[in-house]
N, C-alpha and C. Protein backbone atom coordinates (compact mmCIF):
# COMPACT_ATOMS: atom_id res chain seq x y z
N MET A 1 0.80 -1.03 -0.03
CA MET A 1 0.25 -0.21 0.05
C MET A 1 0.77 1.19 -0.18
N PHE A 2 0.47 2.26 -0.91
CA PHE A 2 1.47 3.47 -0.99
C PHE A 2 0.99 4.51 0.24
N ASN A 3 2.20 4.79 1.17
CA ASN A 3 1.75 5.84 1.73
C ASN A 3 2.66 7.31 1.61
N GLU A 4 2.39 8.14 1.99
CA GLU A 4 3.12 9.30 1.71
C GLU A 4 4.68 9.32 2.09
N SER A 5 5.08 8.84 3.05
CA SER A 5 6.71 8.85 3.33
C SER A 5 7.21 7.79 2.27
N ASP A 6 6.76 7.09 1.38
CA ASP A 6 7.43 6.15 0.59
C ASP A 6 7.57 6.95 -0.43
N ARG A 7 7.16 8.33 -0.90
CA ARG A 7 7.62 9.04 -1.85
C ARG A 7 8.94 9.25 -2.09
N LYS A 8 9.85 9.75 -0.91
CA LYS A 8 10.72 10.15 -0.86
C LYS A 8 11.98 8.69 -0.54
N ASP A 9 11.37 7.61 -0.30
CA ASP A 9 12.40 6.31 -0.14
C ASP A 9 13.14 5.79 -1.65
N ARG A 10 14.17 6.23 -2.18
CA ARG A 10 14.74 5.64 -3.13
C ARG A 10 14.77 4.33 -3.13
N CYS A 11 14.49 3.93 -2.15
CA CYS A 11 14.56 2.33 -2.26
C CYS A 11 13.09 1.68 -3.01
N LEU A 12 12.03 2.51 -2.72
CA LEU A 12 10.75 2.26 -3.19
C LEU A 12 10.45 2.68 -4.37
N ASN A 13 11.50 3.68 -5.06
CA ASN A 13 11.06 4.10 -6.02
C ASN A 13 11.92 3.97 -7.06
N LYS A 14 11.45 3.23 -8.17
CA LYS A 14 12.26 2.52 -9.46
C LYS A 14 11.37 2.92 -10.64
N TYR A 15 12.62 3.09 -11.68
CA TYR A 15 12.15 3.25 -13.22
C TYR A 15 11.52 1.62 -13.67
N LEU A 16 10.25 1.76 -14.38
CA LEU A 16 9.98 0.33 -14.81
C LEU A 16 9.62 0.63 -16.54
N SER A 17 9.87 -0.11 -17.24
CA SER A 17 9.42 0.00 -18.41
C SER A 17 8.34 -0.81 -18.82
N PHE A 18 7.10 -0.19 -19.96
CA PHE A 18 6.04 -0.85 -20.21
C PHE A 18 6.75 -2.04 -21.12
N SER A 19 5.69 -3.32 -21.03
CA SER A 19 6.29 -4.23 -21.38
C SER A 19 5.05 -5.19 -22.03
N ALA A 20 4.39 -4.30 -22.83
CA ALA A 20 3.01 -4.62 -23.55
C ALA A 20 2.87 -3.47 -24.71
N ALA A 21 2.66 -3.97 -25.90
CA ALA A 21 2.47 -2.78 -26.84
C ALA A 21 0.89 -2.22 -26.66
N PRO A 22 1.39 -0.86 -27.15
CA PRO A 22 0.41 0.51 -26.95
C PRO A 22 -0.94 -0.10 -27.27
N GLY A 23 -1.81 0.92 -27.02
CA GLY A 23 -3.26 0.44 -27.59
C GLY A 23 -4.01 -0.83 -26.66
N LYS A 24 -3.53 -1.59 -25.52
CA LYS A 24 -3.91 -2.40 -25.00
C LYS A 24 -5.13 -1.62 -23.49
N GLU A 25 -5.75 -2.51 -23.12
CA GLU A 25 -6.69 -2.05 -22.05
C GLU A 25 -6.03 -1.67 -20.52
N TYR A 26 -4.73 -2.09 -20.69
CA TYR A 26 -4.13 -2.09 -19.83
C TYR A 26 -2.66 -1.67 -19.91
N VAL A 27 -1.76 -1.36 -18.63
CA VAL A 27 -0.92 -0.91 -18.64
C VAL A 27 -0.12 -1.90 -18.08
N GLU A 28 1.02 -2.87 -18.68
CA GLU A 28 1.95 -3.63 -18.46
C GLU A 28 3.27 -3.46 -18.04
N VAL A 29 3.72 -3.56 -16.59
CA VAL A 29 5.45 -3.33 -16.27
C VAL A 29 6.03 -5.10 -15.87
N THR A 30 7.36 -4.97 -16.48
CA THR A 30 7.88 -6.35 -15.79
C THR A 30 8.86 -5.76 -15.16
N LYS A 31 8.92 -6.54 -14.06
CA LYS A 31 10.11 -6.55 -13.14
C LYS A 31 10.49 -7.87 -12.51
N ARG A 32 12.16 -8.07 -12.53
CA ARG A 32 12.86 -9.40 -12.33
C ARG A 32 12.79 -9.32 -10.85
N MET A 33 12.39 -10.22 -10.12
CA MET A 33 12.20 -10.05 -9.00
C MET A 33 13.50 -10.13 -7.99
N SER A 34 13.86 -9.74 -6.98
CA SER A 34 15.07 -10.05 -6.49
C SER A 34 14.66 -9.77 -4.82
N GLU A 35 15.52 -9.81 -4.02
CA GLU A 35 15.68 -9.60 -2.35
C GLU A 35 15.56 -8.31 -2.13
N SER A 36 15.49 -7.39 -3.16
CA SER A 36 15.54 -5.69 -2.91
C SER A 36 14.21 -5.35 -1.47
N ALA A 37 14.33 -4.23 -1.15
CA ALA A 37 13.28 -3.70 -0.57
C ALA A 37 11.77 -3.70 -1.73
N PHE A 38 12.34 -2.83 -2.82
CA PHE A 38 11.13 -3.14 -3.69
C PHE A 38 10.43 -4.08 -4.55
N SER A 39 11.36 -5.32 -4.74
CA SER A 39 10.57 -6.49 -5.19
C SER A 39 9.85 -6.84 -3.80
N GLY A 40 10.13 -6.69 -2.51
CA GLY A 40 9.55 -6.98 -1.12
C GLY A 40 8.66 -6.36 -1.28
N ARG A 41 8.54 -5.02 -1.64
CA ARG A 41 7.09 -4.36 -1.30
C ARG A 41 5.95 -4.48 -2.33
N LEU A 42 6.57 -5.22 -3.64
CA LEU A 42 5.68 -5.67 -4.77
C LEU A 42 5.45 -6.88 -4.27
N ARG A 43 6.04 -7.81 -3.55
CA ARG A 43 5.22 -8.98 -3.45
C ARG A 43 3.97 -8.87 -2.42
N SER A 44 4.30 -7.78 -1.61
CA SER A 44 3.37 -7.32 -0.29
C SER A 44 1.76 -7.10 -1.24
N LEU A 45 1.79 -6.78 -2.33
CA LEU A 45 0.63 -5.89 -2.67
C LEU A 45 -0.13 -6.73 -3.21
N LYS A 46 -1.56 -6.69 -2.69
CA LYS A 46 -3.05 -7.43 -2.92
C LYS A 46 -3.56 -6.31 -3.70
N PRO A 47 -4.69 -7.22 -4.33
CA PRO A 47 -5.71 -6.53 -5.50
C PRO A 47 -6.18 -5.26 -4.58
N GLY A 48 -6.52 -4.10 -5.33
CA GLY A 48 -7.21 -2.94 -4.75
C GLY A 48 -6.12 -1.76 -3.78
N ASP A 49 -4.83 -2.35 -3.28
CA ASP A 49 -3.75 -1.56 -2.96
C ASP A 49 -3.47 -0.50 -4.16
N ARG A 50 -3.29 1.03 -3.40
CA ARG A 50 -2.93 1.86 -4.52
C ARG A 50 -1.43 1.94 -4.71
N VAL A 51 -1.01 2.42 -5.82
CA VAL A 51 0.63 2.79 -6.41
C VAL A 51 0.47 3.99 -6.70
N LEU A 52 1.39 4.74 -6.69
CA LEU A 52 1.89 5.79 -7.31
C LEU A 52 2.94 5.69 -8.96
N LEU A 53 2.27 6.04 -9.74
CA LEU A 53 2.92 5.99 -11.13
C LEU A 53 3.27 7.45 -11.40
N LYS A 54 4.27 7.42 -11.97
CA LYS A 54 4.72 9.00 -12.71
C LYS A 54 5.27 8.66 -13.95
N GLY A 55 5.37 9.19 -15.03
CA GLY A 55 5.76 8.87 -16.30
C GLY A 55 4.98 9.56 -17.54
N PRO A 56 5.16 8.92 -18.78
CA PRO A 56 6.55 8.07 -19.30
C PRO A 56 7.77 9.11 -19.13
N LEU A 57 8.91 7.93 -19.01
CA LEU A 57 10.28 9.10 -19.08
C LEU A 57 10.90 7.90 -19.84
N GLY A 58 12.21 8.39 -20.51
CA GLY A 58 13.24 7.92 -20.80
C GLY A 58 13.31 7.70 -22.58
N ASN A 59 14.11 7.00 -23.06
CA ASN A 59 14.47 6.84 -23.95
C ASN A 59 13.83 5.49 -25.31
N CYS A 60 13.05 4.82 -24.46
CA CYS A 60 12.82 3.79 -24.86
C CYS A 60 11.71 3.95 -25.88
N VAL A 61 12.06 4.31 -26.90
CA VAL A 61 10.89 5.01 -27.97
C VAL A 61 10.91 4.22 -29.54
N PHE A 62 9.86 3.73 -29.63
CA PHE A 62 9.96 3.37 -31.24
C PHE A 62 9.71 4.45 -32.31
N ASP A 63 10.69 4.42 -33.53
CA ASP A 63 9.83 5.20 -34.38
C ASP A 63 9.89 4.89 -35.81
N GLU A 64 8.47 4.37 -36.29
CA GLU A 64 8.81 3.54 -37.48
C GLU A 64 9.51 4.33 -38.91
N ARG A 65 10.04 5.84 -38.54
CA ARG A 65 10.92 6.12 -39.57
C ARG A 65 12.02 5.47 -39.74
N TYR A 66 12.59 4.80 -38.02
CA TYR A 66 13.89 4.13 -38.40
C TYR A 66 13.35 2.54 -38.99
N ARG A 67 13.73 2.77 -40.35
CA ARG A 67 13.86 1.62 -41.14
C ARG A 67 14.35 0.29 -40.76
N LYS A 68 15.77 0.33 -40.20
CA LYS A 68 16.46 -0.79 -39.97
C LYS A 68 17.07 -0.35 -38.37
N ILE A 69 16.96 -1.38 -37.68
CA ILE A 69 16.80 -1.68 -36.26
C ILE A 69 17.74 -2.52 -35.65
N SER A 70 18.55 -2.23 -34.56
CA SER A 70 18.95 -3.51 -33.89
C SER A 70 18.95 -3.06 -32.40
N PHE A 71 18.58 -4.22 -31.87
CA PHE A 71 18.55 -4.19 -30.08
C PHE A 71 19.63 -4.87 -29.67
N LEU A 72 20.43 -4.42 -28.89
CA LEU A 72 21.55 -5.05 -27.91
C LEU A 72 21.24 -5.00 -26.61
N ILE A 73 20.79 -6.10 -26.17
CA ILE A 73 20.07 -6.00 -24.84
C ILE A 73 20.40 -6.95 -23.61
N GLY A 74 20.24 -6.54 -22.67
CA GLY A 74 20.92 -7.52 -21.80
C GLY A 74 19.64 -7.75 -20.57
N GLY A 75 19.60 -8.84 -20.19
CA GLY A 75 18.96 -9.04 -18.96
C GLY A 75 17.31 -8.69 -19.25
N ILE A 76 16.70 -7.86 -18.37
CA ILE A 76 15.52 -7.09 -18.13
C ILE A 76 15.24 -6.08 -19.20
N GLY A 77 16.65 -5.79 -19.44
CA GLY A 77 16.43 -4.62 -20.45
C GLY A 77 15.37 -4.68 -21.16
N ILE A 78 14.74 -6.22 -21.93
CA ILE A 78 14.00 -6.66 -22.91
C ILE A 78 12.70 -6.05 -22.50
N THR A 79 12.12 -5.28 -21.61
CA THR A 79 10.91 -4.81 -21.38
C THR A 79 10.78 -4.10 -22.39
N PRO A 80 11.43 -2.81 -22.52
CA PRO A 80 10.68 -2.00 -23.56
C PRO A 80 10.68 -2.98 -25.06
N VAL A 81 11.59 -3.64 -25.33
CA VAL A 81 12.07 -4.27 -26.22
C VAL A 81 10.73 -5.07 -26.64
N ILE A 82 10.00 -6.07 -25.87
CA ILE A 82 8.94 -6.64 -26.36
C ILE A 82 7.84 -6.08 -26.48
N SER A 83 7.54 -4.67 -25.79
CA SER A 83 6.51 -4.00 -26.13
C SER A 83 6.37 -3.32 -27.88
N ILE A 84 8.04 -2.93 -28.15
CA ILE A 84 8.00 -2.57 -29.34
C ILE A 84 7.90 -3.40 -30.29
N LEU A 85 8.55 -4.88 -30.22
CA LEU A 85 8.42 -5.96 -31.11
C LEU A 85 6.96 -6.41 -31.30
N GLU A 86 6.31 -6.30 -30.24
CA GLU A 86 4.58 -6.59 -30.50
C GLU A 86 3.96 -5.69 -31.12
N TYR A 87 4.23 -4.56 -30.79
CA TYR A 87 3.61 -3.58 -31.68
C TYR A 87 3.57 -3.39 -33.28
N VAL A 88 5.02 -3.57 -33.41
CA VAL A 88 5.82 -3.62 -35.01
C VAL A 88 4.61 -5.16 -36.06
N ALA A 89 4.94 -6.27 -34.75
CA ALA A 89 4.27 -7.84 -35.25
C ALA A 89 2.61 -7.34 -35.53
N GLN A 90 2.18 -6.72 -34.61
CA GLN A 90 0.54 -6.63 -34.72
C GLN A 90 0.52 -5.58 -35.50
N ARG A 91 1.04 -4.60 -36.29
CA ARG A 91 1.03 -3.83 -36.86
C ARG A 91 1.13 -3.86 -38.27
N GLY A 92 1.69 -5.29 -38.70
CA GLY A 92 2.41 -5.64 -39.92
C GLY A 92 3.33 -4.66 -40.18
N LEU A 93 4.07 -4.26 -39.22
CA LEU A 93 5.32 -3.27 -39.97
C LEU A 93 6.43 -3.68 -40.62
N ASP A 94 6.60 -2.90 -41.71
CA ASP A 94 8.04 -3.71 -42.29
C ASP A 94 9.30 -3.31 -41.88
N ASN A 95 9.45 -2.65 -40.45
CA ASN A 95 10.81 -2.37 -40.00
C ASN A 95 11.78 -3.64 -40.04
N ASP A 96 12.80 -3.27 -40.60
CA ASP A 96 14.00 -4.64 -40.47
C ASP A 96 14.56 -4.48 -39.12
N ILE A 97 14.63 -5.71 -38.32
CA ILE A 97 14.27 -5.68 -36.85
C ILE A 97 15.55 -6.97 -36.30
N VAL A 98 16.70 -6.51 -35.85
CA VAL A 98 17.55 -7.60 -35.49
C VAL A 98 17.73 -7.37 -33.54
N LEU A 99 17.20 -8.43 -33.00
CA LEU A 99 17.50 -8.76 -31.47
C LEU A 99 18.87 -9.59 -30.88
N LEU A 100 19.65 -8.79 -30.62
CA LEU A 100 20.78 -9.34 -30.11
C LEU A 100 20.45 -9.81 -28.70
N TYR A 101 19.88 -10.35 -27.89
CA TYR A 101 19.59 -10.52 -26.74
C TYR A 101 20.56 -11.43 -25.48
N SER A 102 21.15 -10.99 -24.32
CA SER A 102 22.06 -11.51 -23.51
C SER A 102 21.59 -12.08 -22.31
N ASN A 103 21.89 -12.71 -21.85
CA ASN A 103 21.43 -13.33 -20.19
C ASN A 103 22.87 -14.57 -19.74
N ARG A 104 22.40 -14.42 -18.29
CA ARG A 104 23.67 -15.25 -17.72
C ARG A 104 23.26 -16.94 -18.34
N THR A 105 21.81 -17.24 -18.09
CA THR A 105 21.75 -18.60 -18.81
C THR A 105 20.62 -18.61 -19.31
N GLU A 106 20.31 -19.74 -20.11
CA GLU A 106 18.96 -19.67 -20.93
C GLU A 106 17.82 -19.73 -19.76
N GLU A 107 17.86 -19.98 -18.82
CA GLU A 107 16.45 -20.23 -17.80
C GLU A 107 16.22 -18.35 -17.66
N GLU A 108 17.29 -17.93 -17.66
CA GLU A 108 16.66 -16.68 -17.43
C GLU A 108 16.14 -15.47 -18.55
N ILE A 109 15.92 -16.29 -19.79
CA ILE A 109 15.68 -15.18 -20.86
C ILE A 109 14.25 -15.14 -20.44
N ALA A 110 13.91 -13.77 -20.31
CA ALA A 110 12.37 -13.56 -20.29
C ALA A 110 12.26 -12.89 -21.63
N PHE A 111 10.80 -13.71 -21.72
CA PHE A 111 9.83 -13.33 -22.71
C PHE A 111 10.51 -14.40 -24.06
N ARG A 112 10.74 -15.33 -23.61
CA ARG A 112 11.15 -16.25 -24.69
C ARG A 112 10.49 -16.86 -25.75
N LYS A 113 9.41 -17.42 -25.02
CA LYS A 113 7.90 -17.77 -25.99
C LYS A 113 7.71 -16.51 -26.52
N GLU A 114 7.19 -15.49 -26.36
CA GLU A 114 6.80 -14.45 -26.66
C GLU A 114 7.70 -13.79 -28.02
N LEU A 115 9.24 -13.73 -27.76
CA LEU A 115 10.01 -13.90 -28.78
C LEU A 115 10.12 -14.67 -29.85
N ASP A 116 10.00 -15.66 -29.35
CA ASP A 116 9.96 -16.98 -30.47
C ASP A 116 8.99 -16.66 -31.57
N ARG A 117 7.71 -16.85 -30.89
CA ARG A 117 6.14 -16.37 -31.51
C ARG A 117 6.80 -15.32 -32.53
N ILE A 118 6.60 -14.24 -31.93
CA ILE A 118 6.95 -13.04 -32.90
C ILE A 118 7.87 -13.18 -34.05
N ALA A 119 9.17 -13.73 -33.95
CA ALA A 119 9.91 -13.89 -34.62
C ALA A 119 9.68 -15.02 -36.22
N ALA A 120 8.72 -15.88 -35.27
CA ALA A 120 8.33 -16.92 -36.50
C ALA A 120 7.47 -16.48 -37.35
N LEU A 121 6.60 -15.45 -36.94
CA LEU A 121 5.26 -14.42 -37.13
C LEU A 121 5.78 -13.41 -38.63
N SER A 122 6.76 -12.87 -38.42
CA SER A 122 7.18 -12.14 -38.96
C SER A 122 8.51 -11.97 -39.46
N GLY A 123 8.68 -11.89 -40.80
CA GLY A 123 9.64 -12.39 -41.40
C GLY A 123 11.04 -11.24 -41.08
N ASN A 124 10.45 -10.18 -40.52
CA ASN A 124 11.43 -8.92 -40.59
C ASN A 124 12.03 -9.01 -39.34
N ILE A 125 11.77 -9.68 -38.74
CA ILE A 125 11.90 -9.37 -37.25
C ILE A 125 13.14 -11.05 -36.90
N LYS A 126 14.38 -10.90 -36.31
CA LYS A 126 15.25 -11.71 -36.29
C LYS A 126 15.57 -11.82 -34.54
N VAL A 127 15.60 -12.85 -33.76
CA VAL A 127 16.07 -12.71 -32.48
C VAL A 127 16.87 -13.80 -32.36
N LYS A 128 18.58 -13.22 -31.61
CA LYS A 128 19.46 -13.94 -31.50
C LYS A 128 19.68 -13.56 -29.81
N TYR A 129 19.84 -15.25 -29.20
CA TYR A 129 20.43 -15.42 -28.19
C TYR A 129 21.71 -15.42 -27.76
N ILE A 130 22.12 -15.05 -26.74
CA ILE A 130 23.46 -15.48 -26.17
C ILE A 130 23.62 -15.22 -24.84
N VAL A 131 24.43 -16.45 -24.28
CA VAL A 131 24.37 -16.41 -22.88
C VAL A 131 25.88 -16.72 -22.61
N THR A 132 26.08 -15.96 -21.16
CA THR A 132 27.54 -15.65 -20.65
C THR A 132 27.68 -16.73 -19.51
N ASP A 133 27.07 -17.63 -18.87
CA ASP A 133 28.06 -18.16 -17.68
C ASP A 133 27.65 -19.90 -18.09
N CYS A 134 27.20 -20.11 -19.21
CA CYS A 134 26.99 -21.80 -19.12
C CYS A 134 26.88 -22.25 -20.73
N GLU A 135 27.47 -22.83 -21.24
CA GLU A 135 27.25 -23.56 -22.44
C GLU A 135 25.65 -23.82 -22.77
N PRO A 136 25.33 -23.15 -23.84
CA PRO A 136 23.37 -23.14 -23.75
C PRO A 136 23.27 -24.77 -24.60
N ARG A 137 22.24 -25.54 -23.92
CA ARG A 137 21.41 -26.54 -24.42
C ARG A 137 20.72 -26.58 -25.90
N ASP A 138 20.71 -25.42 -26.19
CA ASP A 138 19.43 -24.97 -26.97
C ASP A 138 20.48 -24.55 -28.40
N ARG A 139 20.85 -24.87 -29.60
CA ARG A 139 21.46 -24.85 -30.87
C ARG A 139 21.21 -23.00 -31.00
N SER A 140 19.87 -22.88 -30.38
CA SER A 140 19.44 -21.09 -31.11
C SER A 140 20.01 -20.29 -30.45
N CYS A 141 20.87 -20.58 -29.18
CA CYS A 141 22.02 -19.67 -28.48
C CYS A 141 22.99 -20.10 -28.69
N SER A 142 24.08 -18.87 -28.36
CA SER A 142 25.23 -18.96 -28.50
C SER A 142 25.79 -18.85 -26.96
N MET A 143 26.77 -18.87 -26.84
CA MET A 143 27.27 -18.51 -25.49
C MET A 143 28.62 -17.51 -25.83
N GLY A 144 28.64 -16.41 -25.28
CA GLY A 144 29.62 -15.63 -24.94
C GLY A 144 29.13 -14.27 -24.66
N ARG A 145 29.58 -13.28 -24.94
CA ARG A 145 29.26 -11.61 -24.56
C ARG A 145 28.64 -11.16 -25.77
N ILE A 146 28.14 -10.01 -25.87
CA ILE A 146 27.99 -8.87 -26.37
C ILE A 146 29.09 -8.03 -26.68
N ASP A 147 30.02 -8.82 -27.78
CA ASP A 147 31.24 -8.02 -27.63
C ASP A 147 31.06 -7.91 -29.44
N GLY A 148 32.32 -7.13 -29.82
CA GLY A 148 32.60 -6.71 -31.02
C GLY A 148 32.24 -8.04 -32.03
N PRO A 149 33.11 -8.90 -32.03
CA PRO A 149 32.74 -10.21 -33.00
C PRO A 149 31.06 -10.76 -33.07
N ALA A 150 30.82 -10.75 -31.88
CA ALA A 150 29.14 -11.30 -31.48
C ALA A 150 28.27 -10.36 -32.50
N VAL A 151 28.57 -9.20 -32.37
CA VAL A 151 27.64 -8.41 -33.13
C VAL A 151 27.73 -8.19 -34.43
N GLU A 152 29.28 -8.01 -35.09
CA GLU A 152 29.52 -8.18 -36.06
C GLU A 152 28.99 -9.33 -36.89
N LYS A 153 28.54 -10.65 -36.18
CA LYS A 153 27.96 -11.69 -36.38
C LYS A 153 26.65 -11.82 -36.62
N ALA A 154 25.90 -11.65 -35.34
CA ALA A 154 24.67 -11.28 -35.44
C ALA A 154 24.02 -10.22 -36.34
N VAL A 155 24.77 -8.75 -36.80
CA VAL A 155 24.15 -7.71 -37.16
C VAL A 155 25.16 -7.08 -38.07
N GLN A 156 25.19 -7.90 -39.17
CA GLN A 156 26.47 -7.46 -40.05
C GLN A 156 26.25 -6.30 -40.63
N ASP A 157 25.04 -5.63 -40.69
CA ASP A 157 25.08 -4.37 -41.07
C ASP A 157 24.72 -3.18 -40.08
N ILE A 158 25.37 -3.29 -39.06
CA ILE A 158 25.30 -2.53 -38.10
C ILE A 158 25.12 -1.45 -38.00
N ARG A 159 26.42 -0.61 -39.37
CA ARG A 159 26.16 0.63 -39.17
C ARG A 159 25.37 1.15 -40.02
N GLU A 160 24.01 0.52 -40.51
CA GLU A 160 23.23 1.00 -41.09
C GLU A 160 21.73 0.90 -40.58
N ARG A 161 22.34 0.78 -39.49
CA ARG A 161 20.91 0.44 -38.30
C ARG A 161 20.99 1.91 -37.45
N VAL A 162 19.83 1.66 -36.47
CA VAL A 162 19.63 2.56 -35.60
C VAL A 162 19.82 1.53 -34.49
N VAL A 163 20.69 1.62 -33.42
CA VAL A 163 20.68 0.79 -32.16
C VAL A 163 20.49 1.08 -31.32
N PHE A 164 19.61 0.35 -30.60
CA PHE A 164 19.23 0.48 -29.18
C PHE A 164 20.03 -0.64 -28.44
N VAL A 165 20.17 0.21 -27.26
CA VAL A 165 21.08 -0.56 -26.15
C VAL A 165 20.32 -0.57 -24.88
N PHE A 166 19.85 -1.32 -24.34
CA PHE A 166 19.33 -1.32 -22.96
C PHE A 166 19.64 -2.36 -21.85
N GLY A 167 20.03 -1.94 -20.86
CA GLY A 167 20.42 -2.91 -19.60
C GLY A 167 21.52 -2.09 -18.65
N PRO A 168 21.89 -2.90 -17.92
CA PRO A 168 22.75 -2.63 -16.50
C PRO A 168 23.69 -1.66 -17.43
N PRO A 169 24.24 -0.55 -16.34
CA PRO A 169 24.76 0.45 -16.64
C PRO A 169 26.26 0.12 -17.13
N GLY A 170 27.11 -0.62 -16.62
CA GLY A 170 28.44 -1.30 -17.19
C GLY A 170 28.02 -1.83 -18.65
N MET A 171 27.26 -2.65 -19.08
CA MET A 171 26.92 -3.25 -20.22
C MET A 171 26.72 -2.31 -21.43
N VAL A 172 25.69 -1.14 -21.05
CA VAL A 172 25.56 -0.45 -22.03
C VAL A 172 26.51 0.54 -22.38
N ASP A 173 27.35 0.68 -21.28
CA ASP A 173 28.57 1.65 -21.66
C ASP A 173 29.72 0.98 -22.62
N ALA A 174 29.71 -0.50 -22.03
CA ALA A 174 30.87 -1.48 -22.98
C ALA A 174 30.38 -1.70 -24.55
N ILE A 175 28.78 -1.43 -24.52
CA ILE A 175 28.33 -1.96 -25.65
C ILE A 175 28.19 -0.39 -26.63
N LYS A 176 27.73 0.32 -25.93
CA LYS A 176 27.62 1.71 -26.72
C LYS A 176 29.71 2.29 -27.64
N LYS A 177 30.46 1.51 -26.30
CA LYS A 177 31.99 1.72 -26.94
C LYS A 177 32.28 0.73 -27.95
N ILE A 178 31.86 -0.13 -28.13
CA ILE A 178 32.16 -1.01 -29.00
C ILE A 178 31.28 -0.79 -30.23
N CYS A 179 30.12 -0.06 -30.22
CA CYS A 179 29.08 0.28 -31.73
C CYS A 179 30.19 1.49 -32.10
N LEU A 180 30.59 2.45 -31.23
CA LEU A 180 31.54 3.50 -32.04
C LEU A 180 32.31 2.97 -32.92
N GLU A 181 33.35 2.54 -31.77
CA GLU A 181 34.16 1.36 -32.40
C GLU A 181 34.09 1.05 -34.04
N MET A 182 33.18 0.25 -34.15
CA MET A 182 32.86 -0.72 -35.16
C MET A 182 32.34 0.24 -36.20
N GLY A 183 31.90 1.93 -36.07
CA GLY A 183 31.57 3.15 -37.22
C GLY A 183 29.88 2.93 -37.08
N VAL A 184 29.44 2.95 -36.07
CA VAL A 184 27.89 3.19 -35.78
C VAL A 184 27.96 4.84 -35.57
N PRO A 185 26.99 5.44 -36.45
CA PRO A 185 26.93 7.03 -36.10
C PRO A 185 26.50 7.29 -34.83
N SER A 186 27.27 8.11 -33.95
CA SER A 186 26.78 8.23 -32.35
C SER A 186 25.47 8.44 -32.56
N GLY A 187 24.98 9.22 -33.30
CA GLY A 187 23.43 9.87 -33.62
C GLY A 187 22.54 8.78 -33.81
N ASN A 188 23.12 7.56 -34.12
CA ASN A 188 21.95 6.26 -34.25
C ASN A 188 21.78 5.64 -33.30
N LEU A 189 22.78 5.78 -32.48
CA LEU A 189 22.61 4.80 -30.68
C LEU A 189 21.98 5.66 -29.75
N LYS A 190 20.72 4.74 -29.37
CA LYS A 190 19.76 4.74 -28.37
C LYS A 190 19.80 4.02 -27.21
N THR A 191 20.56 4.82 -26.33
CA THR A 191 21.11 3.80 -24.70
C THR A 191 19.80 4.20 -23.69
N GLU A 192 19.78 3.28 -22.92
CA GLU A 192 18.97 3.67 -21.68
C GLU A 192 19.85 2.55 -20.43
N ASN A 193 20.13 3.12 -19.31
CA ASN A 193 20.49 2.43 -18.05
C ASN A 193 19.22 1.94 -17.45
N PHE A 194 19.24 0.58 -16.84
CA PHE A 194 18.72 0.23 -16.20
C PHE A 194 19.21 -0.24 -14.62
N VAL A 195 18.87 0.88 -13.53
CA VAL A 195 19.82 0.70 -12.75
C VAL A 195 18.86 0.38 -11.34
N GLY A 196 19.47 0.15 -10.28
CA GLY A 196 19.23 -0.27 -9.18
C GLY A 196 18.06 -1.86 -9.10
N TYR A 197 18.32 -2.62 -9.45
CA TYR A 197 17.66 -3.84 -9.02
C TYR A 197 18.58 -4.75 -8.73
């Protein structure tokens, strides 16, 4: 239950991304649950409890004029991407999209069924998984990190794309540097740090 003292408590105020396409009758956000105070408060919510929402904020915005897009995403940074991909698929848009999605293990891949379904239904959306902590059992996953060689292999025309990078701050900074070194124009890089979880 929201109370006035919670407004100033940084542990209980976090940014969350929409994880459902626009136009639905509800607003959906997704949070990977942890042992944090914020996760604990979410677990304690009951139907009818009040929460305070503010927004929208940030750079996780799709523009149909971006004809070629690449998403280089880590962990729960996938939340705005699933919303965008769902929107593109529902509208039958022909934007050329490649998603390279990194997690520690295959079990941590959020929205995997939805991503596979969207990719299967849309010939212009390609999804590639990469895991860092163990050899993947599924052949559609590769092992490693989102580094220069992995990006070059997954997105050979990266320099022609608008590149979105969402995830933990360290990962975002590292991938942004990789993209710039690969010749992606800085104006084509759209980044968002997912902090404090």
